[in-house]
C-alpha atoms as a PDB file:
ATOM      1  CA  MET A   1      -3.054  -8.086  -8.541  1.00  0.00           C
ATOM      2  CA  ASP A   2       0.459  -7.677  -7.392  1.00  0.00           C
ATOM      3  CA  ARG A   3       2.465  -4.561  -6.008  1.00  0.00           C
ATOM      4  CA  HIS A   4       3.491  -3.671  -9.474  1.00  0.00           C
ATOM      5  CA  GLU A   5      -0.139  -3.613 -10.856  1.00  0.00           C
ATOM      6  CA  LEU A   6      -1.362  -1.712  -7.657  1.00  0.00           C
ATOM      7  CA  ARG A   7       1.110   0.909  -8.190  1.00  0.00           C
ATOM      8  CA  ASN A   8       0.218   1.335 -11.902  1.00  0.00           C
ATOM      9  CA  ALA A   9      -3.559   1.583 -10.903  1.00  0.00           C
ATOM     10  CA  LEU A  10      -3.218   4.133  -8.451  1.00  0.00           C
ATOM     11  CA  PHE A  11      -1.269   6.045 -10.661  1.00  0.00           C
ATOM     12  CA  ALA A  12      -4.014   5.917 -13.095  1.00  0.00           C
ATOM     13  CA  THR A  13      -6.470   7.219 -10.549  1.00  0.00           C
ATOM     14  CA  GLY A  14      -4.605  10.237 -10.027  1.00  0.00           C
ATOM     15  CA  ILE A  15      -3.588   9.501  -6.491  1.00  0.00           C
ATOM     16  CA  SER A  16      -0.477  11.408  -5.524  1.00  0.00           C
ATOM     17  CA  PRO A  17       2.680   9.187  -5.287  1.00  0.00           C
ATOM     18  CA  ASP A  18       3.463  10.624  -1.931  1.00  0.00           C
ATOM     19  CA  ALA A  19       0.346   8.818  -0.678  1.00  0.00           C
ATOM     20  CA  PHE A  20       1.606   5.360  -0.437  1.00  0.00           C
ATOM     21  CA  GLU A  21       4.669   3.189  -0.459  1.00  0.00           C
ATOM     22  CA  LEU A  22       4.927  -0.373  -1.615  1.00  0.00           C
ATOM     23  CA  GLU A  23       7.745  -2.399  -0.382  1.00  0.00           C
ATOM     24  CA  GLY A  24      10.308  -3.026  -3.180  1.00  0.00           C
ATOM     25  CA  VAL A  25       8.341  -1.055  -5.870  1.00  0.00           C
ATOM     26  CA  HIS A  26       7.446   2.402  -4.940  1.00  0.00           C
ATOM     27  CA  GLU A  27       9.735   3.705  -1.922  1.00  0.00           C
ATOM     28  CA  HIS A  28      10.261   7.235  -0.747  1.00  0.00           C
ATOM     29  CA  VAL A  29      13.695   8.904   0.036  1.00  0.00           C
ATOM     30  CA  PRO A  30      13.124  11.003   2.153  1.00  0.00           C
ATOM     31  CA  LEU A  31       9.882   9.934   3.761  1.00  0.00           C
ATOM     32  CA  PRO A  32       6.969  12.129   3.344  1.00  0.00           C
ATOM     33  CA  PRO A  33       5.115  13.082   6.548  1.00  0.00           C
ATOM     34  CA  ASP A  34       2.362  10.504   6.164  1.00  0.00           C
ATOM     35  CA  PHE A  35       1.456   7.858   3.817  1.00  0.00           C
ATOM     36  CA  TRP A  36      -0.288   4.429   3.469  1.00  0.00           C
ATOM     37  CA  PHE A  37       2.144   1.617   3.153  1.00  0.00           C
ATOM     38  CA  LEU A  38       2.110  -2.389   2.155  1.00  0.00           C
ATOM     39  CA  ARG A  39       5.180  -4.393   3.283  1.00  0.00           C
ATOM     40  CA  ARG A  40       5.966  -8.251   3.998  1.00  0.00           C
ATOM     41  CA  CYS A  41       5.928  -9.439   7.291  1.00  0.00           C
ATOM     42  CA  ALA A  42       8.822 -11.304   9.065  1.00  0.00           C
ATOM     43  CA  ASP A  43       6.452 -14.445   8.862  1.00  0.00           C
ATOM     44  CA  GLY A  44       5.845 -14.012   5.145  1.00  0.00           C
ATOM     45  CA  ARG A  45       2.458 -12.472   5.364  1.00  0.00           C
ATOM     46  CA  TRP A  46       1.682  -9.087   4.322  1.00  0.00           C
ATOM     47  CA  GLU A  47       0.439  -5.915   6.102  1.00  0.00           C
ATOM     48  CA  ILE A  48      -1.048  -2.475   5.414  1.00  0.00           C
ATOM     49  CA  GLY A  49      -1.075   0.651   7.357  1.00  0.00           C
ATOM     50  CA  ALA A  50      -0.628   4.141   7.628  1.00  0.00           C
ATOM     51  CA  TYR A  51       2.818   6.046   8.475  1.00  0.00           C
ATOM     52  CA  GLU A  52       2.374   9.229  10.422  1.00  0.00           C
ATOM     53  CA  ARG A  53       4.677  11.328  12.364  1.00  0.00           C
ATOM     54  CA  GLY A  54       7.468   8.594  12.456  1.00  0.00           C
ATOM     55  CA  VAL A  55       5.399   5.777  13.422  1.00  0.00           C
ATOM     56  CA  TYR A  56       4.385   2.743  11.155  1.00  0.00           C
ATOM     57  CA  ASP A  57       0.583   1.942  12.561  1.00  0.00           C
ATOM     58  CA  VAL A  58      -0.232  -1.682  11.070  1.00  0.00           C
ATOM     59  CA  ARG A  59      -3.916  -1.589  10.223  1.00  0.00           C
ATOM     60  CA  LEU A  60      -4.581  -4.871   8.863  1.00  0.00           C
ATOM     61  CA  THR A  61      -2.659  -8.129   7.863  1.00  0.00           C
ATOM     62  CA  TYR A  62      -3.334 -10.620   4.940  1.00  0.00           C
ATOM     63  CA  ASP A  63      -1.915 -14.052   4.042  1.00  0.00           C
ATOM     64  CA  THR A  64      -0.963 -13.097   0.479  1.00  0.00           C
ATOM     65  CA  GLU A  65       0.229  -9.988  -1.848  1.00  0.00           C
ATOM     66  CA  GLN A  66      -2.818 -10.130  -3.592  1.00  0.00           C
ATOM     67  CA  GLU A  67      -5.060  -9.779  -0.690  1.00  0.00           C
ATOM     68  CA  ALA A  68      -3.059  -7.181   0.864  1.00  0.00           C
ATOM     69  CA  CYS A  69      -2.976  -5.250  -2.534  1.00  0.00           C
ATOM     70  CA  ALA A  70      -6.666  -5.417  -2.666  1.00  0.00           C
ATOM     71  CA  GLY A  71      -6.718  -4.015   0.872  1.00  0.00           C
ATOM     72  CA  LEU A  72      -4.817  -1.102   0.011  1.00  0.00           C
ATOM     73  CA  TRP A  73      -6.530  -0.168  -3.069  1.00  0.00           C
ATOM     74  CA  ARG A  74      -9.896  -0.246  -1.006  1.00  0.00           C
ATOM     75  CA  ALA A  75      -8.198   1.928   1.717  1.00  0.00           C
ATOM     76  CA  LEU A  76      -6.917   4.578  -0.784  1.00  0.00           C
ATOM     77  CA  THR A  77      -9.696   4.461  -3.327  1.00  0.00           C
ATOM     78  CA  GLY A  78     -12.968   3.697  -1.337  1.00  0.00           C
ATOM     79  CA  ARG A  79     -13.741   1.365  -4.227  1.00  0.00           C
ATOM     80  CA  SER A  80     -14.160  -2.321  -3.640  1.00  0.00           C
ATOM     81  CA  GLU A  81     -13.790  -3.505  -7.098  1.00  0.00           C
ATOM     82  CA  ASP A  82     -10.564  -4.628  -8.384  1.00  0.00           C
ATOM     83  CA  ALA A  83      -8.138  -1.970  -9.987  1.00  0.00           C
ATOM     84  CA  GLY A  84      -7.728  -4.657 -12.877  1.00  0.00           C
END
């Protein structure tokens, strides 16, 4: 699953659009006070974490976009199965 598929799957579960941000796919202007994020690192890897009170707190880093999407899916839904 990529970021576009993840966005669609999260919307389908009824998760609030304000609960997450996906780099280049689903971004906020202005920023909500807190949300989970997925973004590319400078080294080409991917990271997920929580944004709270103006601070990005990276929780996990992954080698691929697909792994990061699966990690964010688990974090937001509590489900280990694939969204697809």
